[in-house]
Amino acid sequence: MTLSLVNDSYTQAAQEDRCAPRIVLNIPAMLRPSGSSAFPTNLIDLSIGGFAAQAVTGMRAGSLCWLTIGPFKGLQAEVVWNDGQVVGCAFANLLNPAVFDSIINAR
C-alpha cells in the first residue's frame, strides 16, 4: 500500500495556504529516500506540516522519505516538489507542537 499525500486537502493547505507558520532556519539533518541510504542535508524551513531541505537528488514528487533531526526519530514525509537543489515535503502526520518547539529552540 502506497501512502499518497499529494492530492489530499491537508497537503494542499500545507503547501498553498501555509496553514502553519514556516520558520526559516539552517540546521543539519538526515534525509532518507524510500529504499535508499540516508544522507546529510540542511533543513532550511520547517512547520508542523512540512519542511524544505537542501538536497541535490532525483527524489520525485510523490516519493516517500524520512527526515531525522537530532535525537528525534525519523519523521515520514512525502516529496511535494523538487527543484534540483531543494526538496519540499509534507509530513505524513502533523509534527507535534512540542517537538516543533524543541527543534526550533535547539538551533
PDB file of N, CA and C in Angstrom:
ATOM      1  N   MET A   1       0.848  -1.183   0.000  1.00  0.00           N
ATOM      2  CA  MET A   1       0.000   0.000   0.000  1.00  0.00           C
ATOM      3  C   MET A   1       0.887   1.238   0.000  1.00  0.00           C
ATOM      4  N   THR A   2       0.639   2.139  -0.903  1.00  0.00           N
ATOM      5  CA  THR A   2       1.428   3.359  -1.024  1.00  0.00           C
ATOM      6  C   THR A   2       0.688   4.518  -0.381  1.00  0.00           C
ATOM      7  N   LEU A   3       1.390   5.232   0.475  1.00  0.00           N
ATOM      8  CA  LEU A   3       0.827   6.426   1.093  1.00  0.00           C
ATOM      9  C   LEU A   3       0.930   7.559   0.091  1.00  0.00           C
ATOM     10  N   SER A   4      -0.161   8.225  -0.177  1.00  0.00           N
ATOM     11  CA  SER A   4      -0.114   9.344  -1.103  1.00  0.00           C
ATOM     12  C   SER A   4      -0.757  10.559  -0.478  1.00  0.00           C
ATOM     13  N   LEU A   5       0.061  11.566  -0.235  1.00  0.00           N
ATOM     14  CA  LEU A   5      -0.430  12.801   0.367  1.00  0.00           C
ATOM     15  C   LEU A   5      -0.603  13.905  -0.663  1.00  0.00           C
ATOM     16  N   VAL A   6      -0.095  13.706  -1.862  1.00  0.00           N
ATOM     17  CA  VAL A   6      -0.015  14.791  -2.832  1.00  0.00           C
ATOM     18  C   VAL A   6      -1.366  15.416  -3.127  1.00  0.00           C
ATOM     19  N   ASN A   7      -2.431  14.626  -3.220  1.00  0.00           N
ATOM     20  CA  ASN A   7      -3.709  15.177  -3.632  1.00  0.00           C
ATOM     21  C   ASN A   7      -4.674  15.455  -2.488  1.00  0.00           C
ATOM     22  N   ASP A   8      -4.316  15.122  -1.266  1.00  0.00           N
ATOM     23  CA  ASP A   8      -5.292  15.366  -0.211  1.00  0.00           C
ATOM     24  C   ASP A   8      -5.310  16.827   0.219  1.00  0.00           C
ATOM     25  N   SER A   9      -6.396  17.223   0.839  1.00  0.00           N
ATOM     26  CA  SER A   9      -6.582  18.632   1.176  1.00  0.00           C
ATOM     27  C   SER A   9      -5.560  19.127   2.199  1.00  0.00           C
ATOM     28  N   TYR A  10      -5.084  18.240   3.074  1.00  0.00           N
ATOM     29  CA  TYR A  10      -4.079  18.644   4.053  1.00  0.00           C
ATOM     30  C   TYR A  10      -2.813  19.142   3.344  1.00  0.00           C
ATOM     31  N   THR A  11      -2.341  18.362   2.370  1.00  0.00           N
ATOM     32  CA  THR A  11      -1.129  18.735   1.663  1.00  0.00           C
ATOM     33  C   THR A  11      -1.319  20.049   0.931  1.00  0.00           C
ATOM     34  N   GLN A  12      -2.459  20.200   0.284  1.00  0.00           N
ATOM     35  CA  GLN A  12      -2.716  21.442  -0.422  1.00  0.00           C
ATOM     36  C   GLN A  12      -2.724  22.619   0.542  1.00  0.00           C
ATOM     37  N   ALA A  13      -3.348  22.455   1.690  1.00  0.00           N
ATOM     38  CA  ALA A  13      -3.376  23.539   2.683  1.00  0.00           C
ATOM     39  C   ALA A  13      -1.974  23.835   3.195  1.00  0.00           C
ATOM     40  N   ALA A  14      -1.206  22.785   3.459  1.00  0.00           N
ATOM     41  CA  ALA A  14       0.145  22.974   3.991  1.00  0.00           C
ATOM     42  C   ALA A  14       1.045  23.678   2.990  1.00  0.00           C
ATOM     43  N   GLN A  15       0.881  23.398   1.703  1.00  0.00           N
ATOM     44  CA  GLN A  15       1.756  23.969   0.696  1.00  0.00           C
ATOM     45  C   GLN A  15       1.237  25.271   0.107  1.00  0.00           C
ATOM     46  N   GLU A  16      -0.061  25.422  -0.010  1.00  0.00           N
ATOM     47  CA  GLU A  16      -0.616  26.604  -0.656  1.00  0.00           C
ATOM     48  C   GLU A  16      -0.993  27.694   0.342  1.00  0.00           C
ATOM     49  N   ASP A  17      -1.795  27.338   1.321  1.00  0.00           N
ATOM     50  CA  ASP A  17      -2.273  28.328   2.272  1.00  0.00           C
ATOM     51  C   ASP A  17      -1.306  28.514   3.435  1.00  0.00           C
ATOM     52  N   ARG A  18      -0.331  27.632   3.521  1.00  0.00           N
ATOM     53  CA  ARG A  18       0.608  27.667   4.641  1.00  0.00           C
ATOM     54  C   ARG A  18      -0.176  27.719   5.944  1.00  0.00           C
ATOM     55  N   CYS A  19      -0.934  26.638   6.188  1.00  0.00           N
ATOM     56  CA  CYS A  19      -1.819  26.555   7.354  1.00  0.00           C
ATOM     57  C   CYS A  19      -1.060  26.703   8.664  1.00  0.00           C
ATOM     58  N   ALA A  20       0.255  26.533   8.609  1.00  0.00           N
ATOM     59  CA  ALA A  20       1.064  26.711   9.808  1.00  0.00           C
ATOM     60  C   ALA A  20       2.264  27.578   9.435  1.00  0.00           C
ATOM     61  N   PRO A  21       2.685  28.420  10.337  1.00  0.00           N
ATOM     62  CA  PRO A  21       3.840  29.271  10.036  1.00  0.00           C
ATOM     63  C   PRO A  21       5.082  28.438   9.752  1.00  0.00           C
ATOM     64  N   ARG A  22       5.840  28.851   8.765  1.00  0.00           N
ATOM     65  CA  ARG A  22       7.112  28.211   8.454  1.00  0.00           C
ATOM     66  C   ARG A  22       8.219  29.053   9.054  1.00  0.00           C
ATOM     67  N   ILE A  23       9.130  28.380   9.725  1.00  0.00           N
ATOM     68  CA  ILE A  23      10.267  29.037  10.345  1.00  0.00           C
ATOM     69  C   ILE A  23      11.484  28.800   9.462  1.00  0.00           C
ATOM     70  N   VAL A  24      12.121  29.875   9.035  1.00  0.00           N
ATOM     71  CA  VAL A  24      13.341  29.768   8.252  1.00  0.00           C
ATOM     72  C   VAL A  24      14.478  29.449   9.208  1.00  0.00           C
ATOM     73  N   LEU A  25      15.264  28.444   8.860  1.00  0.00           N
ATOM     74  CA  LEU A  25      16.370  28.032   9.715  1.00  0.00           C
ATOM     75  C   LEU A  25      17.446  27.390   8.860  1.00  0.00           C
ATOM     76  N   ASN A  26      18.498  26.981   9.475  1.00  0.00           N
ATOM     77  CA  ASN A  26      19.574  26.271   8.786  1.00  0.00           C
ATOM     78  C   ASN A  26      20.206  25.330   9.798  1.00  0.00           C
ATOM     79  N   ILE A  27      19.655  24.112   9.865  1.00  0.00           N
ATOM     80  CA  ILE A  27      20.165  23.138  10.816  1.00  0.00           C
ATOM     81  C   ILE A  27      20.444  21.823  10.098  1.00  0.00           C
ATOM     82  N   PRO A  28      21.445  21.085  10.575  1.00  0.00           N
ATOM     83  CA  PRO A  28      21.758  19.808   9.945  1.00  0.00           C
ATOM     84  C   PRO A  28      20.687  18.762  10.257  1.00  0.00           C
ATOM     85  N   ALA A  29      20.478  17.888   9.297  1.00  0.00           N
ATOM     86  CA  ALA A  29      19.525  16.795   9.457  1.00  0.00           C
ATOM     87  C   ALA A  29      19.964  15.663   8.536  1.00  0.00           C
ATOM     88  N   MET A  30      19.263  14.556   8.615  1.00  0.00           N
ATOM     89  CA  MET A  30      19.488  13.432   7.710  1.00  0.00           C
ATOM     90  C   MET A  30      18.192  13.191   6.952  1.00  0.00           C
ATOM     91  N   LEU A  31      18.307  12.929   5.669  1.00  0.00           N
ATOM     92  CA  LEU A  31      17.149  12.662   4.834  1.00  0.00           C
ATOM     93  C   LEU A  31      17.354  11.304   4.172  1.00  0.00           C
ATOM     94  N   ARG A  32      16.357  10.437   4.309  1.00  0.00           N
ATOM     95  CA  ARG A  32      16.458   9.101   3.717  1.00  0.00           C
ATOM     96  C   ARG A  32      15.311   8.865   2.758  1.00  0.00           C
ATOM     97  N   PRO A  33      15.607   8.823   1.457  1.00  0.00           N
ATOM     98  CA  PRO A  33      14.576   8.473   0.487  1.00  0.00           C
ATOM     99  C   PRO A  33      14.183   7.006   0.657  1.00  0.00           C
ATOM    100  N   SER A  34      12.958   6.669   0.337  1.00  0.00           N
ATOM    101  CA  SER A  34      12.493   5.289   0.424  1.00  0.00           C
ATOM    102  C   SER A  34      13.401   4.391  -0.406  1.00  0.00           C
ATOM    103  N   GLY A  35      13.879   3.309   0.207  1.00  0.00           N
ATOM    104  CA  GLY A  35      14.715   2.343  -0.493  1.00  0.00           C
ATOM    105  C   GLY A  35      16.162   2.731  -0.636  1.00  0.00           C
ATOM    106  N   SER A  36      16.576   3.818  -0.022  1.00  0.00           N
ATOM    107  CA  SER A  36      17.959   4.297  -0.146  1.00  0.00           C
ATOM    108  C   SER A  36      18.553   4.572   1.225  1.00  0.00           C
ATOM    109  N   SER A  37      19.827   4.889   1.217  1.00  0.00           N
ATOM    110  CA  SER A  37      20.523   5.258   2.446  1.00  0.00           C
ATOM    111  C   SER A  37      20.280   6.724   2.763  1.00  0.00           C
ATOM    112  N   ALA A  38      20.370   7.052   4.035  1.00  0.00           N
ATOM    113  CA  ALA A  38      20.219   8.442   4.471  1.00  0.00           C
ATOM    114  C   ALA A  38      21.453   9.242   4.062  1.00  0.00           C
ATOM    115  N   PHE A  39      21.229  10.527   3.826  1.00  0.00           N
ATOM    116  CA  PHE A  39      22.334  11.422   3.513  1.00  0.00           C
ATOM    117  C   PHE A  39      22.152  12.712   4.308  1.00  0.00           C
ATOM    118  N   PRO A  40      23.280  13.397   4.605  1.00  0.00           N
ATOM    119  CA  PRO A  40      23.185  14.652   5.355  1.00  0.00           C
ATOM    120  C   PRO A  40      22.588  15.758   4.496  1.00  0.00           C
ATOM    121  N   THR A  41      21.843  16.613   5.144  1.00  0.00           N
ATOM    122  CA  THR A  41      21.228  17.750   4.471  1.00  0.00           C
ATOM    123  C   THR A  41      21.146  18.908   5.444  1.00  0.00           C
ATOM    124  N   ASN A  42      20.753  20.051   4.947  1.00  0.00           N
ATOM    125  CA  ASN A  42      20.453  21.206   5.792  1.00  0.00           C
ATOM    126  C   ASN A  42      18.978  21.506   5.666  1.00  0.00           C
ATOM    127  N   LEU A  43      18.314  21.541   6.788  1.00  0.00           N
ATOM    128  CA  LEU A  43      16.907  21.898   6.837  1.00  0.00           C
ATOM    129  C   LEU A  43      16.832  23.414   6.722  1.00  0.00           C
ATOM    130  N   ILE A  44      16.064  23.918   5.745  1.00  0.00           N
ATOM    131  CA  ILE A  44      16.043  25.373   5.547  1.00  0.00           C
ATOM    132  C   ILE A  44      14.728  26.025   5.952  1.00  0.00           C
ATOM    133  N   ASP A  45      13.668  25.233   6.093  1.00  0.00           N
ATOM    134  CA  ASP A  45      12.459  25.745   6.744  1.00  0.00           C
ATOM    135  C   ASP A  45      11.664  24.583   7.293  1.00  0.00           C
ATOM    136  N   LEU A  46      10.831  24.902   8.270  1.00  0.00           N
ATOM    137  CA  LEU A  46      10.097  23.873   8.993  1.00  0.00           C
ATOM    138  C   LEU A  46       8.778  24.442   9.478  1.00  0.00           C
ATOM    139  N   SER A  47       7.746  23.617   9.390  1.00  0.00           N
ATOM    140  CA  SER A  47       6.452  23.923  10.000  1.00  0.00           C
ATOM    141  C   SER A  47       5.929  22.613  10.568  1.00  0.00           C
ATOM    142  N   ILE A  48       4.804  22.659  11.239  1.00  0.00           N
ATOM    143  CA  ILE A  48       4.237  21.408  11.750  1.00  0.00           C
ATOM    144  C   ILE A  48       3.723  20.541  10.603  1.00  0.00           C
ATOM    145  N   GLY A  49       3.567  21.125   9.412  1.00  0.00           N
ATOM    146  CA  GLY A  49       3.045  20.392   8.267  1.00  0.00           C
ATOM    147  C   GLY A  49       4.086  19.897   7.290  1.00  0.00           C
ATOM    148  N   GLY A  50       5.308  20.434   7.336  1.00  0.00           N
ATOM    149  CA  GLY A  50       6.306  20.001   6.377  1.00  0.00           C
ATOM    150  C   GLY A  50       7.612  20.751   6.516  1.00  0.00           C
ATOM    151  N   PHE A  51       8.474  20.556   5.515  1.00  0.00           N
ATOM    152  CA  PHE A  51       9.807  21.155   5.575  1.00  0.00           C
ATOM    153  C   PHE A  51      10.366  21.313   4.172  1.00  0.00           C
ATOM    154  N   ALA A  52      11.419  22.091   4.086  1.00  0.00           N
ATOM    155  CA  ALA A  52      12.236  22.178   2.879  1.00  0.00           C
ATOM    156  C   ALA A  52      13.676  21.926   3.302  1.00  0.00           C
ATOM    157  N   ALA A  53      14.386  21.168   2.474  1.00  0.00           N
ATOM    158  CA  ALA A  53      15.770  20.824   2.781  1.00  0.00           C
ATOM    159  C   ALA A  53      16.607  20.876   1.515  1.00  0.00           C
ATOM    160  N   GLN A  54      17.870  21.254   1.691  1.00  0.00           N
ATOM    161  CA  GLN A  54      18.792  21.243   0.562  1.00  0.00           C
ATOM    162  C   GLN A  54      19.054  19.789   0.194  1.00  0.00           C
ATOM    163  N   ALA A  55      18.866  19.450  -1.067  1.00  0.00           N
ATOM    164  CA  ALA A  55      19.073  18.073  -1.497  1.00  0.00           C
ATOM    165  C   ALA A  55      19.228  18.019  -3.008  1.00  0.00           C
ATOM    166  N   VAL A  56      20.443  17.732  -3.445  1.00  0.00           N
ATOM    167  CA  VAL A  56      20.674  17.522  -4.864  1.00  0.00           C
ATOM    168  C   VAL A  56      20.409  16.036  -5.090  1.00  0.00           C
ATOM    169  N   THR A  57      19.180  15.733  -5.452  1.00  0.00           N
ATOM    170  CA  THR A  57      18.743  14.346  -5.570  1.00  0.00           C
ATOM    171  C   THR A  57      17.639  14.237  -6.604  1.00  0.00           C
ATOM    172  N   GLY A  58      17.425  13.035  -7.075  1.00  0.00           N
ATOM    173  CA  GLY A  58      16.369  12.785  -8.055  1.00  0.00           C
ATOM    174  C   GLY A  58      15.050  12.409  -7.425  1.00  0.00           C
ATOM    175  N   MET A  59      14.884  12.667  -6.125  1.00  0.00           N
ATOM    176  CA  MET A  59      13.620  12.327  -5.459  1.00  0.00           C
ATOM    177  C   MET A  59      12.476  13.029  -6.183  1.00  0.00           C
ATOM    178  N   ARG A  60      11.473  12.255  -6.558  1.00  0.00           N
ATOM    179  CA  ARG A  60      10.349  12.807  -7.319  1.00  0.00           C
ATOM    180  C   ARG A  60       9.146  13.073  -6.426  1.00  0.00           C
ATOM    181  N   ALA A  61       8.318  14.005  -6.864  1.00  0.00           N
ATOM    182  CA  ALA A  61       7.067  14.272  -6.144  1.00  0.00           C
ATOM    183  C   ALA A  61       6.304  12.966  -6.002  1.00  0.00           C
ATOM    184  N   GLY A  62       5.792  12.745  -4.803  1.00  0.00           N
ATOM    185  CA  GLY A  62       5.044  11.532  -4.511  1.00  0.00           C
ATOM    186  C   GLY A  62       5.870  10.457  -3.839  1.00  0.00           C
ATOM    187  N   SER A  63       7.199  10.592  -3.858  1.00  0.00           N
ATOM    188  CA  SER A  63       8.027   9.565  -3.218  1.00  0.00           C
ATOM    189  C   SER A  63       8.113   9.820  -1.715  1.00  0.00           C
ATOM    190  N   LEU A  64       8.268   8.738  -0.970  1.00  0.00           N
ATOM    191  CA  LEU A  64       8.355   8.826   0.487  1.00  0.00           C
ATOM    192  C   LEU A  64       9.790   9.042   0.924  1.00  0.00           C
ATOM    193  N   CYS A  65       9.937   9.700   2.072  1.00  0.00           N
ATOM    194  CA  CYS A  65      11.243   9.900   2.671  1.00  0.00           C
ATOM    195  C   CYS A  65      11.074  10.019   4.178  1.00  0.00           C
ATOM    196  N   TRP A  66      12.209   9.975   4.877  1.00  0.00           N
ATOM    197  CA  TRP A  66      12.208  10.124   6.326  1.00  0.00           C
ATOM    198  C   TRP A  66      13.248  11.172   6.703  1.00  0.00           C
ATOM    199  N   LEU A  67      12.845  12.116   7.527  1.00  0.00           N
ATOM    200  CA  LEU A  67      13.712  13.187   7.998  1.00  0.00           C
ATOM    201  C   LEU A  67      14.077  12.904   9.448  1.00  0.00           C
ATOM    202  N   THR A  68      15.368  12.921   9.746  1.00  0.00           N
ATOM    203  CA  THR A  68      15.832  12.748  11.121  1.00  0.00           C
ATOM    204  C   THR A  68      16.550  14.019  11.537  1.00  0.00           C
ATOM    205  N   ILE A  69      16.076  14.610  12.622  1.00  0.00           N
ATOM    206  CA  ILE A  69      16.655  15.843  13.153  1.00  0.00           C
ATOM    207  C   ILE A  69      17.128  15.545  14.565  1.00  0.00           C
ATOM    208  N   GLY A  70      18.430  15.660  14.776  1.00  0.00           N
ATOM    209  CA  GLY A  70      18.985  15.435  16.106  1.00  0.00           C
ATOM    210  C   GLY A  70      18.521  14.131  16.718  1.00  0.00           C
ATOM    211  N   PRO A  71      18.021  14.191  17.958  1.00  0.00           N
ATOM    212  CA  PRO A  71      17.651  12.967  18.659  1.00  0.00           C
ATOM    213  C   PRO A  71      16.274  12.425  18.284  1.00  0.00           C
ATOM    214  N   PHE A  72      15.546  13.119  17.437  1.00  0.00           N
ATOM    215  CA  PHE A  72      14.185  12.694  17.120  1.00  0.00           C
ATOM    216  C   PHE A  72      14.199  11.574  16.090  1.00  0.00           C
ATOM    217  N   LYS A  73      13.288  10.629  16.263  1.00  0.00           N
ATOM    218  CA  LYS A  73      13.206   9.508  15.324  1.00  0.00           C
ATOM    219  C   LYS A  73      12.795  10.020  13.949  1.00  0.00           C
ATOM    220  N   GLY A  74      13.001   9.189  12.940  1.00  0.00           N
ATOM    221  CA  GLY A  74      12.684   9.570  11.571  1.00  0.00           C
ATOM    222  C   GLY A  74      11.222   9.966  11.411  1.00  0.00           C
ATOM    223  N   LEU A  75      10.999  11.077  10.758  1.00  0.00           N
ATOM    224  CA  LEU A  75       9.658  11.594  10.510  1.00  0.00           C
ATOM    225  C   LEU A  75       9.294  11.319   9.062  1.00  0.00           C
ATOM    226  N   GLN A  76       8.244  10.537   8.836  1.00  0.00           N
ATOM    227  CA  GLN A  76       7.853  10.194   7.478  1.00  0.00           C
ATOM    228  C   GLN A  76       7.231  11.393   6.777  1.00  0.00           C
ATOM    229  N   ALA A  77       7.591  11.549   5.517  1.00  0.00           N
ATOM    230  CA  ALA A  77       7.073  12.653   4.709  1.00  0.00           C
ATOM    231  C   ALA A  77       6.969  12.204   3.257  1.00  0.00           C
ATOM    232  N   GLU A  78       6.307  13.022   2.477  1.00  0.00           N
ATOM    233  CA  GLU A  78       6.204  12.784   1.050  1.00  0.00           C
ATOM    234  C   GLU A  78       6.739  14.000   0.316  1.00  0.00           C
ATOM    235  N   VAL A  79       7.545  13.750  -0.699  1.00  0.00           N
ATOM    236  CA  VAL A  79       8.084  14.834  -1.508  1.00  0.00           C
ATOM    237  C   VAL A  79       6.935  15.471  -2.281  1.00  0.00           C
ATOM    238  N   VAL A  80       6.807  16.783  -2.156  1.00  0.00           N
ATOM    239  CA  VAL A  80       5.775  17.537  -2.867  1.00  0.00           C
ATOM    240  C   VAL A  80       6.381  18.196  -4.104  1.00  0.00           C
ATOM    241  N   TRP A  81       7.614  18.684  -3.981  1.00  0.00           N
ATOM    242  CA  TRP A  81       8.304  19.290  -5.111  1.00  0.00           C
ATOM    243  C   TRP A  81       9.814  19.129  -4.934  1.00  0.00           C
ATOM    244  N   ASN A  82      10.512  19.215  -6.050  1.00  0.00           N
ATOM    245  CA  ASN A  82      11.966  19.122  -6.048  1.00  0.00           C
ATOM    246  C   ASN A  82      12.464  19.980  -7.201  1.00  0.00           C
ATOM    247  N   ASP A  83      13.246  21.025  -6.894  1.00  0.00           N
ATOM    248  CA  ASP A  83      13.750  21.897  -7.961  1.00  0.00           C
ATOM    249  C   ASP A  83      15.188  21.564  -8.356  1.00  0.00           C
ATOM    250  N   GLY A  84      15.689  20.424  -7.873  1.00  0.00           N
ATOM    251  CA  GLY A  84      17.048  20.013  -8.189  1.00  0.00           C
ATOM    252  C   GLY A  84      18.071  20.430  -7.153  1.00  0.00           C
ATOM    253  N   GLN A  85      17.733  21.391  -6.311  1.00  0.00           N
ATOM    254  CA  GLN A  85      18.615  21.868  -5.245  1.00  0.00           C
ATOM    255  C   GLN A  85      17.955  21.758  -3.866  1.00  0.00           C
ATOM    256  N   VAL A  86      16.645  21.882  -3.857  1.00  0.00           N
ATOM    257  CA  VAL A  86      15.862  21.871  -2.621  1.00  0.00           C
ATOM    258  C   VAL A  86      14.635  20.993  -2.833  1.00  0.00           C
ATOM    259  N   VAL A  87      14.281  20.223  -1.801  1.00  0.00           N
ATOM    260  CA  VAL A  87      13.037  19.450  -1.843  1.00  0.00           C
ATOM    261  C   VAL A  87      12.076  20.011  -0.808  1.00  0.00           C
ATOM    262  N   GLY A  88      10.816  20.048  -1.153  1.00  0.00           N
ATOM    263  CA  GLY A  88       9.756  20.447  -0.236  1.00  0.00           C
ATOM    264  C   GLY A  88       8.915  19.224   0.054  1.00  0.00           C
ATOM    265  N   CYS A  89       8.689  18.948   1.316  1.00  0.00           N
ATOM    266  CA  CYS A  89       7.998  17.730   1.723  1.00  0.00           C
ATOM    267  C   CYS A  89       6.894  18.025   2.727  1.00  0.00           C
ATOM    268  N   ALA A  90       5.853  17.196   2.693  1.00  0.00           N
ATOM    269  CA  ALA A  90       4.748  17.283   3.653  1.00  0.00           C
ATOM    270  C   ALA A  90       4.844  16.084   4.582  1.00  0.00           C
ATOM    271  N   PHE A  91       4.786  16.343   5.875  1.00  0.00           N
ATOM    272  CA  PHE A  91       4.819  15.248   6.842  1.00  0.00           C
ATOM    273  C   PHE A  91       3.582  14.370   6.695  1.00  0.00           C
ATOM    274  N   ALA A  92       3.751  13.060   6.928  1.00  0.00           N
ATOM    275  CA  ALA A  92       2.628  12.123   6.894  1.00  0.00           C
ATOM    276  C   ALA A  92       1.653  12.437   8.029  1.00  0.00           C
ATOM    277  N   ASN A  93       2.189  12.890   9.156  1.00  0.00           N
ATOM    278  CA  ASN A  93       1.391  13.307  10.312  1.00  0.00           C
ATOM    279  C   ASN A  93       1.920  14.658  10.763  1.00  0.00           C
ATOM    280  N   LEU A  94       1.025  15.525  11.162  1.00  0.00           N
ATOM    281  CA  LEU A  94       1.475  16.823  11.657  1.00  0.00           C
ATOM    282  C   LEU A  94       2.497  16.645  12.764  1.00  0.00           C
ATOM    283  N   LEU A  95       3.503  17.469  12.741  1.00  0.00           N
ATOM    284  CA  LEU A  95       4.534  17.437  13.763  1.00  0.00           C
ATOM    285  C   LEU A  95       3.939  17.898  15.085  1.00  0.00           C
ATOM    286  N   ASN A  96       4.217  17.167  16.137  1.00  0.00           N
ATOM    287  CA  ASN A  96       3.741  17.541  17.459  1.00  0.00           C
ATOM    288  C   ASN A  96       4.285  18.932  17.790  1.00  0.00           C
ATOM    289  N   PRO A  97       3.435  19.863  18.246  1.00  0.00           N
ATOM    290  CA  PRO A  97       3.915  21.217  18.555  1.00  0.00           C
ATOM    291  C   PRO A  97       5.069  21.247  19.565  1.00  0.00           C
ATOM    292  N   ALA A  98       5.096  20.318  20.512  1.00  0.00           N
ATOM    293  CA  ALA A  98       6.195  20.272  21.477  1.00  0.00           C
ATOM    294  C   ALA A  98       7.502  19.882  20.793  1.00  0.00           C
ATOM    295  N   VAL A  99       7.440  18.953  19.847  1.00  0.00           N
ATOM    296  CA  VAL A  99       8.625  18.563  19.086  1.00  0.00           C
ATOM    297  C   VAL A  99       9.071  19.734  18.214  1.00  0.00           C
ATOM    298  N   PHE A 100       8.121  20.375  17.555  1.00  0.00           N
ATOM    299  CA  PHE A 100       8.429  21.551  16.735  1.00  0.00           C
ATOM    300  C   PHE A 100       9.158  22.609  17.568  1.00  0.00           C
ATOM    301  N   ASP A 101       8.605  22.947  18.731  1.00  0.00           N
ATOM    302  CA  ASP A 101       9.225  23.947  19.599  1.00  0.00           C
ATOM    303  C   ASP A 101      10.620  23.529  20.033  1.00  0.00           C
ATOM    304  N   SER A 102      10.792  22.240  20.343  1.00  0.00           N
ATOM    305  CA  SER A 102      12.090  21.737  20.765  1.00  0.00           C
ATOM    306  C   SER A 102      13.133  21.884  19.662  1.00  0.00           C
ATOM    307  N   ILE A 103      12.751  21.569  18.433  1.00  0.00           N
ATOM    308  CA  ILE A 103      13.677  21.710  17.297  1.00  0.00           C
ATOM    309  C   ILE A 103      14.032  23.176  17.093  1.00  0.00           C
ATOM    310  N   ILE A 104      13.043  24.047  17.115  1.00  0.00           N
ATOM    311  CA  ILE A 104      13.264  25.475  16.893  1.00  0.00           C
ATOM    312  C   ILE A 104      14.137  26.068  18.000  1.00  0.00           C
ATOM    313  N   ASN A 105      13.877  25.679  19.239  1.00  0.00           N
ATOM    314  CA  ASN A 105      14.628  26.239  20.364  1.00  0.00           C
ATOM    315  C   ASN A 105      16.033  25.700  20.482  1.00  0.00           C
ATOM    316  N   ALA A 106      16.319  24.543  19.870  1.00  0.00           N
ATOM    317  CA  ALA A 106      17.650  23.927  19.968  1.00  0.00           C
ATOM    318  C   ALA A 106      18.628  24.471  18.930  1.00  0.00           C
ATOM    319  N   ARG A 107      18.148  25.231  17.982  1.00  0.00           N
ATOM    320  CA  ARG A 107      19.044  25.682  16.904  1.00  0.00           C
ATOM    321  C   ARG A 107      19.964  26.776  17.328  1.00  0.00           C
TER     322      ARG A 107
END
